[in-house]
Amino acid sequence: MHSVREIAEKMDELLPPRTLRGLLALHRWVDATGVPSLREIMDRHHGSVSKKMLFYNTYLLPGVEYSIGKLGDAFLPDIEPAPIGAIPEIDSRREEIARAIQREEYDIAALCEVFRESEQQALRRPWPDGSLTTVAGPAELIDIEVPIPPMLWDTIRHTLQHLPVAGSFLKPFANLLGPFGHLLRPTLKGTTQSSGLFLMGRDIPFTSAATHVFESKGEATKDADFWASKGVLRVVIPFSGGNIELYCTHIHSGGSLLDETLTEEDRDRVKTDQYRELREFIQAHKQPEHIAILVGDFNRDGFNLEEPRYQALVEEMERVNLYDLWPQRGFDADGNVLPGATYMGDDESYVYREHGETICTLDGHRCNDLIPQRDPNRSRLDYIFVERPSEAHSLNLDFTRPRRVNFTREGSGGEMFYLSDHLGLETTLIVSRKI
C-alpha cells in the first residue's frame, strides 16, 4: 500500500506536491471540476500497474542514397555519390542506445530514425530471447527517378566550375561537366527508405498494429524526408480491464538535399498536411473504450505556447482529444511552464558537450529542470500527447512528471558526446482499473 508521501514523490520527484489540492491536480479525472477524495487517490494507486516509457529520436541516420542518371539517349553513366546526410558513428551508437534502454529498464521504448534492419537487430541484441516485443513502422520501398530541375543543374555545374573539387561532396559530379554539360538532362534516382519508427516492449505484448504512410511528402530534390516513409505506427497494449493505444510518428522537417530553394512556407505546408493525416488516422482507428497516447518528433517548436504554428498543431490534435503533456506537468516551483527544449543540433553532424549543456543540466541521465536552461530559446520538437479522460474509458491512466533525458556516450565514446542530437522524453504510465 502506498503512503500519501510515496504517491506524491512518485507523481513528481522534482516538485512533490505538499497539499491534497496539489496531489489531486497531478491526477487525471473525468470530471475536472469535481473534488475527488484522498481515498479515491489511494484506491487508484493500490493495485495499479506502472510502466516506464521513453520516446527518443535516435539520430541513426544512414543518409539518402541516390545516384545521378540521365534522360534521353546521351551516354552518361550513373554516378553514385556518398549518401547525403549520413550521421557518424551509427554502429557504436546503436549498441550504446540498446544498452541504455535496457539499463534504465524502460518497459516501453518508442523510437524514431531507426531506418534499417541492422539497427533494429542491434537494439534487440541485449535482451534475452522472448522478453522483448518489437514492431517496426511502415516501409514503402519504392524506386524513384525524377528530373533534376534545370536551375538546380546549372547551380551544380557553376559550383563545380568555381570551387576546388578536391574534398567537396560535389566531386562525383565533376565528370558530368564539359562543353556540352548544359545539354544533358540528368535525373536523381533512388529508393525510398522505411519510416524509421520502432517500438520496443519489455514483457509487454503489442497487438493490432496498424500503419499509415503520409501522402504529403515534400519534393524529391529538396527534402531528405521525401525519401523516408514518413507516417504513423499504432499498436494496442492490453492491460487487465482495458487497453491503451500507442501512436508513434515522425513529422516532416524539410530541406537538407541538393536544392536549397525550399521556403519555410513549403515546409509548413507539408507539416500541416501530415498533422491532418495523422489526426484522420487516429480518428479511423481509435476505439472509444481505449486510452490513446501519441508520441513523436513533430518538428514543430513548442517553446512558445502562443505561437500560431504550435497552436495549429495542438488544435489539430485536440480534435481527437489529445493534449500536449508538457504544459500540463512541466512547470517550475512558481507554476510557470518550463521551455523543455529537446533539440541540440545545429549545422554540424556531430553533437558536442556544449550543445547539450546549453539546454540541460544533467543529474544522471535526466535533466534537472529546476536549473534554468542556459539557452531558453532552443526548440521543443518532441512531444507526448495524452487523451483526455472519458467516461467511456475502461481504465484510469495517470502520468508521472515528464522528464527530459540525455544519454552520454560510454567511456570516451567517439567524437559525438551524446548518443543523439535530441533529448528523450521519459514518463511512467500508472494504469488502474476503474472501480
Protein backbone atom coordinates (compact mmCIF):
# COMPACT_ATOMS: atom_id res chain seq x y z
CA MET A 1 0.00 0.00 0.00
CA HIS A 2 1.36 3.41 -0.97
CA SER A 3 1.53 6.24 1.55
CA VAL A 4 0.46 9.74 0.55
CA ARG A 5 4.09 10.86 0.59
CA GLU A 6 5.16 7.96 -1.62
CA ILE A 7 2.41 8.77 -4.12
CA ALA A 8 3.39 12.44 -4.17
CA GLU A 9 7.07 11.63 -4.75
CA LYS A 10 6.23 9.13 -7.47
CA MET A 11 3.99 11.55 -9.35
CA ASP A 12 6.58 14.33 -9.28
CA GLU A 13 10.01 13.55 -7.89
CA LEU A 14 11.29 17.06 -8.66
CA LEU A 15 8.48 19.02 -7.01
CA PRO A 16 6.36 16.62 -4.92
CA PRO A 17 3.05 18.28 -4.01
CA ARG A 18 2.74 19.36 -0.37
CA THR A 19 -1.04 19.68 -0.24
CA LEU A 20 -4.00 17.47 -1.08
CA ARG A 21 -5.11 20.01 -3.68
CA GLY A 22 -1.70 19.77 -5.33
CA LEU A 23 -1.79 15.97 -5.28
CA LEU A 24 -5.26 15.94 -6.85
CA ALA A 25 -4.02 18.25 -9.61
CA LEU A 26 -1.46 15.66 -10.69
CA HIS A 27 -4.13 13.03 -11.33
CA ARG A 28 -6.44 12.81 -14.30
CA TRP A 29 -10.18 12.87 -13.59
CA VAL A 30 -13.10 12.60 -15.98
CA ASP A 31 -14.84 15.50 -14.25
CA ALA A 32 -12.07 18.02 -13.70
CA THR A 33 -14.43 20.26 -11.72
CA GLY A 34 -15.15 17.58 -9.13
CA VAL A 35 -13.27 17.14 -5.86
CA PRO A 36 -12.12 13.52 -5.62
CA SER A 37 -11.30 12.25 -2.17
CA LEU A 38 -7.97 11.12 -0.79
CA ARG A 39 -9.45 7.63 -0.64
CA GLU A 40 -10.01 7.68 -4.40
CA ILE A 41 -6.35 8.55 -4.96
CA MET A 42 -5.22 5.78 -2.63
CA ASP A 43 -7.52 3.26 -4.30
CA ARG A 44 -6.27 4.26 -7.72
CA HIS A 45 -2.64 3.59 -6.79
CA HIS A 46 -3.32 0.43 -4.83
CA GLY A 47 -3.07 -2.44 -7.28
CA SER A 48 -2.06 -0.18 -10.19
CA VAL A 49 0.45 -1.25 -12.83
CA SER A 50 3.37 1.07 -13.64
CA LYS A 51 5.14 1.06 -17.00
CA LYS A 52 8.16 3.25 -17.65
CA MET A 53 8.07 4.76 -21.14
CA LEU A 54 10.67 6.51 -23.30
CA PHE A 55 10.29 8.42 -26.54
CA TYR A 56 13.62 9.00 -28.27
CA ASN A 57 14.78 10.22 -31.66
CA THR A 58 17.88 8.04 -32.06
CA TYR A 59 19.69 10.00 -34.81
CA LEU A 60 20.66 6.76 -36.55
CA LEU A 61 20.50 8.35 -39.99
CA PRO A 62 22.16 6.33 -42.77
CA GLY A 63 21.63 9.21 -45.20
CA VAL A 64 19.83 9.40 -48.51
CA GLU A 65 21.45 7.06 -51.03
CA TYR A 66 20.99 8.28 -54.58
CA SER A 67 22.58 8.35 -58.00
CA ILE A 68 22.69 10.82 -60.85
CA GLY A 69 21.38 9.32 -64.08
CA LYS A 70 20.18 10.69 -67.40
CA LEU A 71 17.14 11.26 -69.54
CA GLY A 72 17.27 10.74 -73.27
CA ASP A 73 19.86 8.94 -75.37
CA ALA A 74 23.00 10.79 -74.31
CA PHE A 75 25.68 8.49 -72.96
CA LEU A 76 26.00 9.23 -69.28
CA PRO A 77 26.85 6.51 -66.75
CA ASP A 78 25.08 6.66 -63.39
CA ILE A 79 27.16 8.27 -60.66
CA GLU A 80 26.71 7.23 -57.03
CA PRO A 81 27.97 9.87 -54.59
CA ALA A 82 28.20 9.21 -50.88
CA PRO A 83 24.82 9.38 -49.11
CA ILE A 84 23.60 12.85 -48.22
CA GLY A 85 23.00 13.37 -44.52
CA ALA A 86 24.71 10.23 -43.22
CA ILE A 87 25.37 10.67 -39.48
CA PRO A 88 28.63 9.48 -37.89
CA GLU A 89 29.27 6.56 -35.57
CA ILE A 90 25.99 4.74 -36.17
CA ASP A 91 27.41 1.27 -35.45
CA SER A 92 28.74 2.18 -31.99
CA ARG A 93 25.86 4.46 -31.02
CA ARG A 94 23.16 1.91 -31.83
CA GLU A 95 24.80 -0.58 -29.47
CA GLU A 96 25.04 2.04 -26.72
CA ILE A 97 21.42 3.10 -27.21
CA ALA A 98 20.34 -0.54 -26.82
CA ARG A 99 22.28 -0.86 -23.57
CA ALA A 100 20.91 2.45 -22.25
CA ILE A 101 17.33 1.33 -22.87
CA GLN A 102 18.00 -1.95 -21.07
CA ARG A 103 19.99 -0.34 -18.23
CA GLU A 104 17.25 2.19 -17.45
CA GLU A 105 14.67 -0.60 -17.50
CA TYR A 106 12.20 1.01 -19.85
CA ASP A 107 9.12 -1.10 -20.31
CA ILE A 108 8.16 0.76 -23.48
CA ALA A 109 10.58 2.50 -25.85
CA ALA A 110 9.09 4.38 -28.79
CA LEU A 111 11.88 5.33 -31.18
CA CYS A 112 12.34 7.11 -34.47
CA GLU A 113 15.17 7.29 -37.02
CA VAL A 114 15.75 3.52 -36.78
CA PHE A 115 15.63 3.01 -40.53
CA ARG A 116 17.46 -0.24 -41.21
CA GLU A 117 17.11 -3.82 -40.09
CA SER A 118 20.73 -3.73 -38.91
CA GLU A 119 19.86 -1.01 -36.39
CA GLN A 120 16.72 -2.87 -35.30
CA GLN A 121 18.74 -6.02 -34.70
CA ALA A 122 21.32 -4.10 -32.67
CA LEU A 123 18.59 -2.64 -30.47
CA ARG A 124 17.17 -6.13 -29.83
CA ARG A 125 20.55 -7.72 -29.11
CA PRO A 126 20.95 -7.15 -25.33
CA TRP A 127 17.57 -8.63 -24.46
CA PRO A 128 17.04 -12.28 -23.53
CA ASP A 129 15.08 -14.31 -26.03
CA GLY A 130 11.35 -13.95 -25.58
CA SER A 131 11.48 -10.93 -23.26
CA LEU A 132 11.15 -8.24 -25.94
CA THR A 133 8.37 -7.42 -28.36
CA THR A 134 9.20 -5.12 -31.27
CA VAL A 135 7.15 -3.59 -34.06
CA ALA A 136 8.56 -1.55 -36.93
CA GLY A 137 6.70 1.24 -38.67
CA PRO A 138 5.66 1.44 -42.31
CA ALA A 139 8.17 0.88 -45.09
CA GLU A 140 7.26 1.73 -48.67
CA LEU A 141 10.44 0.88 -50.59
CA ILE A 142 9.87 2.44 -54.00
CA ASP A 143 12.34 3.10 -56.81
CA ILE A 144 12.06 6.73 -57.88
CA GLU A 145 13.65 8.71 -60.70
CA VAL A 146 12.91 12.41 -61.12
CA PRO A 147 14.46 15.06 -63.38
CA ILE A 148 16.87 17.46 -61.74
CA PRO A 149 15.41 20.93 -62.36
CA PRO A 150 17.46 22.93 -64.91
CA MET A 151 18.20 25.76 -62.48
CA LEU A 152 19.50 23.29 -59.90
CA TRP A 153 21.64 21.53 -62.50
CA ASP A 154 23.08 24.87 -63.59
CA THR A 155 23.88 25.67 -59.96
CA ILE A 156 25.70 22.35 -59.52
CA ARG A 157 27.73 22.91 -62.69
CA HIS A 158 28.51 26.52 -61.77
CA THR A 159 29.64 25.49 -58.29
CA LEU A 160 31.99 22.87 -59.67
CA GLN A 161 33.50 25.32 -62.09
CA HIS A 162 34.26 27.89 -59.40
CA LEU A 163 35.17 25.84 -56.34
CA PRO A 164 38.02 23.40 -55.69
CA VAL A 165 36.64 19.96 -56.44
CA ALA A 166 39.02 18.00 -54.21
CA GLY A 167 37.39 17.13 -50.91
CA SER A 168 34.00 18.55 -51.94
CA PHE A 169 30.84 16.45 -51.79
CA LEU A 170 30.23 17.71 -55.35
CA LYS A 171 33.29 15.89 -56.69
CA PRO A 172 31.20 12.98 -58.08
CA PHE A 173 29.57 15.40 -60.49
CA ALA A 174 32.88 16.51 -61.98
CA ASN A 175 32.78 14.15 -64.95
CA LEU A 176 29.34 15.49 -65.88
CA LEU A 177 30.84 18.82 -66.81
CA GLY A 178 32.23 19.80 -70.14
CA PRO A 179 31.35 21.91 -73.10
CA PHE A 180 28.04 20.06 -73.54
CA GLY A 181 27.05 19.84 -69.85
CA HIS A 182 24.18 22.25 -70.35
CA LEU A 183 22.62 19.86 -72.90
CA LEU A 184 22.42 16.91 -70.50
CA ARG A 185 19.14 16.13 -68.79
CA PRO A 186 20.20 14.48 -65.53
CA THR A 187 17.91 12.70 -63.10
CA LEU A 188 18.01 11.96 -59.41
CA LYS A 189 17.48 8.24 -58.75
CA GLY A 190 16.99 6.38 -55.51
CA THR A 191 14.85 4.06 -53.39
CA THR A 192 12.73 5.29 -50.53
CA GLN A 193 13.52 4.07 -47.02
CA SER A 194 11.39 2.92 -44.12
CA SER A 195 9.65 5.29 -41.70
CA GLY A 196 12.32 4.77 -39.04
CA LEU A 197 9.61 4.18 -36.40
CA PHE A 198 10.35 1.34 -33.99
CA LEU A 199 8.55 0.22 -30.82
CA MET A 200 10.08 -1.98 -28.12
CA GLY A 201 8.16 -3.57 -25.24
CA ARG A 202 9.74 -5.36 -22.29
CA ASP A 203 7.45 -8.24 -21.33
CA ILE A 204 4.62 -6.28 -22.97
CA PRO A 205 2.66 -7.58 -25.97
CA PHE A 206 1.87 -5.19 -28.82
CA THR A 207 -1.28 -6.15 -30.72
CA SER A 208 -3.40 -4.86 -33.59
CA ALA A 209 -0.55 -2.99 -35.27
CA ALA A 210 -1.58 -0.55 -37.98
CA THR A 211 0.39 1.91 -40.08
CA HIS A 212 -0.05 4.80 -42.45
CA VAL A 213 2.43 6.49 -44.79
CA PHE A 214 1.73 10.18 -45.24
CA GLU A 215 0.63 11.14 -48.72
CA SER A 216 2.14 14.60 -48.34
CA LYS A 217 5.90 14.16 -48.66
CA GLY A 218 7.65 17.27 -49.92
CA GLU A 219 9.87 17.23 -53.03
CA ALA A 220 12.41 14.63 -54.13
CA THR A 221 15.21 17.09 -54.93
CA LYS A 222 14.64 19.37 -51.94
CA ASP A 223 13.58 17.24 -48.98
CA ALA A 224 15.56 14.40 -47.44
CA ASP A 225 12.33 13.39 -45.69
CA PHE A 226 10.75 12.71 -49.09
CA TRP A 227 12.89 9.57 -49.23
CA ALA A 228 11.60 8.20 -45.91
CA SER A 229 8.20 6.54 -45.48
CA LYS A 230 7.13 9.23 -43.04
CA GLY A 231 3.96 8.19 -41.28
CA VAL A 232 2.48 6.77 -38.11
CA LEU A 233 2.61 3.43 -36.27
CA ARG A 234 -0.19 2.35 -33.93
CA VAL A 235 -0.30 -0.59 -31.53
CA VAL A 236 -2.66 -1.72 -28.78
CA ILE A 237 -1.20 -2.54 -25.36
CA PRO A 238 -3.50 -4.79 -23.31
CA PHE A 239 -3.88 -4.35 -19.55
CA SER A 240 -6.17 -6.06 -17.09
CA GLY A 241 -9.51 -4.38 -17.59
CA GLY A 242 -8.76 -2.45 -20.76
CA ASN A 243 -6.33 -1.29 -23.44
CA ILE A 244 -4.05 1.60 -24.31
CA GLU A 245 -3.48 2.64 -27.90
CA LEU A 246 0.04 3.92 -28.52
CA TYR A 247 0.67 6.01 -31.63
CA CYS A 248 4.20 6.96 -32.73
CA THR A 249 5.09 9.40 -35.51
CA HIS A 250 7.88 11.47 -37.03
CA ILE A 251 6.73 14.55 -38.90
CA HIS A 252 8.43 16.16 -41.91
CA SER A 253 11.31 18.56 -41.32
CA GLY A 254 12.18 19.54 -44.87
CA GLY A 255 15.32 20.53 -46.71
CA SER A 256 18.82 19.00 -46.45
CA LEU A 257 19.07 17.90 -50.09
CA LEU A 258 20.60 19.25 -53.28
CA ASP A 259 18.07 22.00 -53.99
CA GLU A 260 18.26 24.70 -51.32
CA THR A 261 15.43 26.88 -52.66
CA LEU A 262 12.96 25.47 -50.13
CA THR A 263 10.98 28.08 -48.18
CA GLU A 264 9.57 27.93 -44.66
CA GLU A 265 6.11 28.09 -46.22
CA ASP A 266 6.92 24.94 -48.21
CA ARG A 267 7.92 23.13 -45.02
CA ASP A 268 4.86 24.30 -43.11
CA ARG A 269 2.51 23.20 -45.86
CA VAL A 270 3.76 19.61 -45.68
CA LYS A 271 3.74 19.59 -41.87
CA THR A 272 0.17 20.88 -41.76
CA ASP A 273 -0.95 18.20 -44.22
CA GLN A 274 0.77 15.50 -42.17
CA TYR A 275 -0.85 16.71 -38.92
CA ARG A 276 -4.22 16.37 -40.65
CA GLU A 277 -3.40 12.88 -41.97
CA LEU A 278 -2.23 11.84 -38.50
CA ARG A 279 -5.44 13.07 -36.90
CA GLU A 280 -7.54 11.30 -39.55
CA PHE A 281 -5.63 8.05 -38.97
CA ILE A 282 -6.30 8.27 -35.22
CA GLN A 283 -9.97 9.00 -35.85
CA ALA A 284 -10.20 5.92 -38.08
CA HIS A 285 -8.57 3.55 -35.55
CA LYS A 286 -9.28 4.84 -32.06
CA GLN A 287 -11.70 2.74 -30.01
CA PRO A 288 -13.82 4.75 -27.53
CA GLU A 289 -13.05 2.49 -24.54
CA HIS A 290 -9.27 2.63 -25.14
CA ILE A 291 -6.97 5.41 -23.93
CA ALA A 292 -4.74 6.97 -26.59
CA ILE A 293 -1.14 8.16 -26.19
CA LEU A 294 0.68 9.85 -29.07
CA VAL A 295 4.45 10.34 -29.07
CA GLY A 296 6.74 11.71 -31.73
CA ASP A 297 9.15 14.20 -33.17
CA PHE A 298 6.75 16.77 -34.61
CA ASN A 299 9.39 19.16 -35.95
CA ARG A 300 7.30 22.00 -34.57
CA ASP A 301 8.73 24.16 -31.82
CA GLY A 302 6.57 24.13 -28.69
CA PHE A 303 8.73 26.63 -26.77
CA ASN A 304 6.20 29.46 -27.22
CA LEU A 305 2.76 28.12 -26.34
CA GLU A 306 1.08 31.11 -28.01
CA GLU A 307 2.93 30.79 -31.34
CA PRO A 308 0.37 30.30 -34.16
CA ARG A 309 2.09 27.29 -35.75
CA TYR A 310 2.29 25.49 -32.42
CA GLN A 311 -1.35 26.35 -31.83
CA ALA A 312 -2.24 24.86 -35.21
CA LEU A 313 -0.61 21.59 -34.15
CA VAL A 314 -2.32 21.35 -30.78
CA GLU A 315 -5.69 22.35 -32.22
CA GLU A 316 -5.44 19.53 -34.75
CA MET A 317 -4.63 17.02 -32.00
CA GLU A 318 -7.34 18.36 -29.71
CA ARG A 319 -9.86 17.39 -32.38
CA VAL A 320 -9.17 13.80 -31.25
CA ASN A 321 -8.98 14.81 -27.55
CA LEU A 322 -5.18 14.58 -27.40
CA TYR A 323 -3.35 17.18 -25.31
CA ASP A 324 0.32 18.13 -25.01
CA LEU A 325 1.56 16.71 -21.69
CA TRP A 326 4.48 19.13 -21.14
CA PRO A 327 2.42 22.29 -20.45
CA GLN A 328 0.28 20.28 -18.04
CA ARG A 329 3.16 18.93 -15.98
CA GLY A 330 6.47 20.55 -16.98
CA PHE A 331 6.37 23.55 -14.65
CA ASP A 332 8.67 25.18 -12.11
CA ALA A 333 8.07 25.90 -8.42
CA ASP A 334 6.08 29.04 -9.31
CA GLY A 335 3.81 27.19 -11.75
CA ASN A 336 5.47 28.55 -14.90
CA VAL A 337 5.77 26.17 -17.84
CA LEU A 338 9.44 25.42 -18.50
CA PRO A 339 10.96 25.72 -22.01
CA GLY A 340 11.61 21.97 -22.18
CA ALA A 341 13.94 22.08 -25.20
CA THR A 342 14.62 18.67 -26.77
CA TYR A 343 16.82 19.53 -29.76
CA MET A 344 20.58 20.16 -29.53
CA GLY A 345 21.53 20.06 -33.19
CA ASP A 346 22.91 22.75 -35.44
CA ASP A 347 24.55 22.66 -38.85
CA GLU A 348 27.15 20.11 -37.75
CA SER A 349 26.64 16.33 -37.84
CA TYR A 350 28.43 15.86 -34.51
CA VAL A 351 26.81 16.76 -31.19
CA TYR A 352 29.32 18.07 -28.69
CA ARG A 353 29.11 18.51 -24.94
CA GLU A 354 28.39 22.23 -25.10
CA HIS A 355 25.36 21.60 -27.30
CA GLY A 356 23.67 19.66 -24.51
CA GLU A 357 24.81 21.90 -21.67
CA THR A 358 23.02 24.89 -23.17
CA ILE A 359 19.64 23.23 -22.61
CA CYS A 360 20.12 20.58 -19.91
CA THR A 361 21.99 20.25 -16.63
CA LEU A 362 22.31 16.52 -16.20
CA ASP A 363 21.58 14.65 -12.99
CA GLY A 364 22.46 11.13 -14.04
CA HIS A 365 20.79 10.75 -17.43
CA ARG A 366 17.89 13.10 -16.62
CA CYS A 367 17.83 16.86 -16.90
CA ASN A 368 17.39 18.77 -13.66
CA ASP A 369 14.56 21.00 -14.85
CA LEU A 370 14.76 23.16 -11.73
CA ILE A 371 18.05 24.57 -13.10
CA PRO A 372 17.21 27.07 -15.88
CA GLN A 373 18.36 26.38 -19.42
CA ARG A 374 21.36 28.49 -20.42
CA ASP A 375 19.71 28.99 -23.80
CA PRO A 376 15.95 29.21 -23.17
CA ASN A 377 15.12 29.65 -26.86
CA ARG A 378 16.14 26.22 -28.16
CA SER A 379 13.43 24.10 -29.79
CA ARG A 380 10.99 21.72 -28.12
CA LEU A 381 10.30 19.36 -31.02
CA ASP A 382 9.43 16.12 -29.23
CA TYR A 383 6.04 15.53 -27.64
CA ILE A 384 3.86 13.24 -25.59
CA PHE A 385 0.15 13.81 -26.22
CA VAL A 386 -2.39 12.12 -23.94
CA GLU A 387 -6.09 11.61 -24.40
CA ARG A 388 -8.43 13.49 -22.10
CA PRO A 389 -10.16 11.12 -19.62
CA SER A 390 -13.58 9.94 -20.73
CA GLU A 391 -16.47 8.07 -19.14
CA ALA A 392 -16.12 5.57 -21.98
CA HIS A 393 -12.57 4.59 -20.94
CA SER A 394 -12.31 1.25 -19.17
CA LEU A 395 -9.08 2.25 -17.39
CA ASN A 396 -7.62 5.08 -15.37
CA LEU A 397 -4.31 6.36 -16.71
CA ASP A 398 -2.02 8.71 -14.79
CA PHE A 399 1.42 10.01 -15.74
CA THR A 400 4.42 10.90 -13.66
CA ARG A 401 6.09 14.22 -14.39
CA PRO A 402 7.63 14.01 -17.90
CA ARG A 403 11.42 14.17 -17.69
CA ARG A 404 13.89 15.09 -20.39
CA VAL A 405 16.74 12.61 -20.70
CA ASN A 406 20.09 12.96 -22.45
CA PHE A 407 22.27 9.90 -22.84
CA THR A 408 26.04 10.45 -22.97
CA ARG A 409 28.48 8.12 -24.71
CA GLU A 410 30.01 5.20 -22.85
CA GLY A 411 33.62 5.71 -21.76
CA SER A 412 35.39 8.10 -24.09
CA GLY A 413 32.84 7.38 -26.83
CA GLY A 414 33.61 8.92 -30.20
CA GLU A 415 33.60 12.47 -31.43
CA MET A 416 29.92 12.75 -30.51
CA PHE A 417 29.47 13.37 -26.81
CA TYR A 418 25.79 12.33 -26.77
CA LEU A 419 24.00 9.38 -28.32
CA SER A 420 21.66 11.62 -30.33
CA ASP A 421 21.01 15.22 -31.32
CA HIS A 422 17.68 15.01 -29.47
CA LEU A 423 16.81 14.61 -25.82
CA GLY A 424 14.38 11.85 -24.98
CA LEU A 425 11.15 12.16 -23.03
CA GLU A 426 10.52 9.79 -20.13
CA THR A 427 7.41 9.23 -18.04
CA THR A 428 5.81 6.38 -16.12
CA LEU A 429 2.29 5.24 -17.01
CA ILE A 430 0.25 4.37 -13.93
CA VAL A 431 -2.60 2.16 -15.10
CA SER A 432 -5.52 1.11 -12.87
CA ARG A 433 -8.91 -0.43 -13.38
CA LYS A 434 -11.97 1.70 -12.93
CA ILE A 435 -13.85 0.73 -9.81
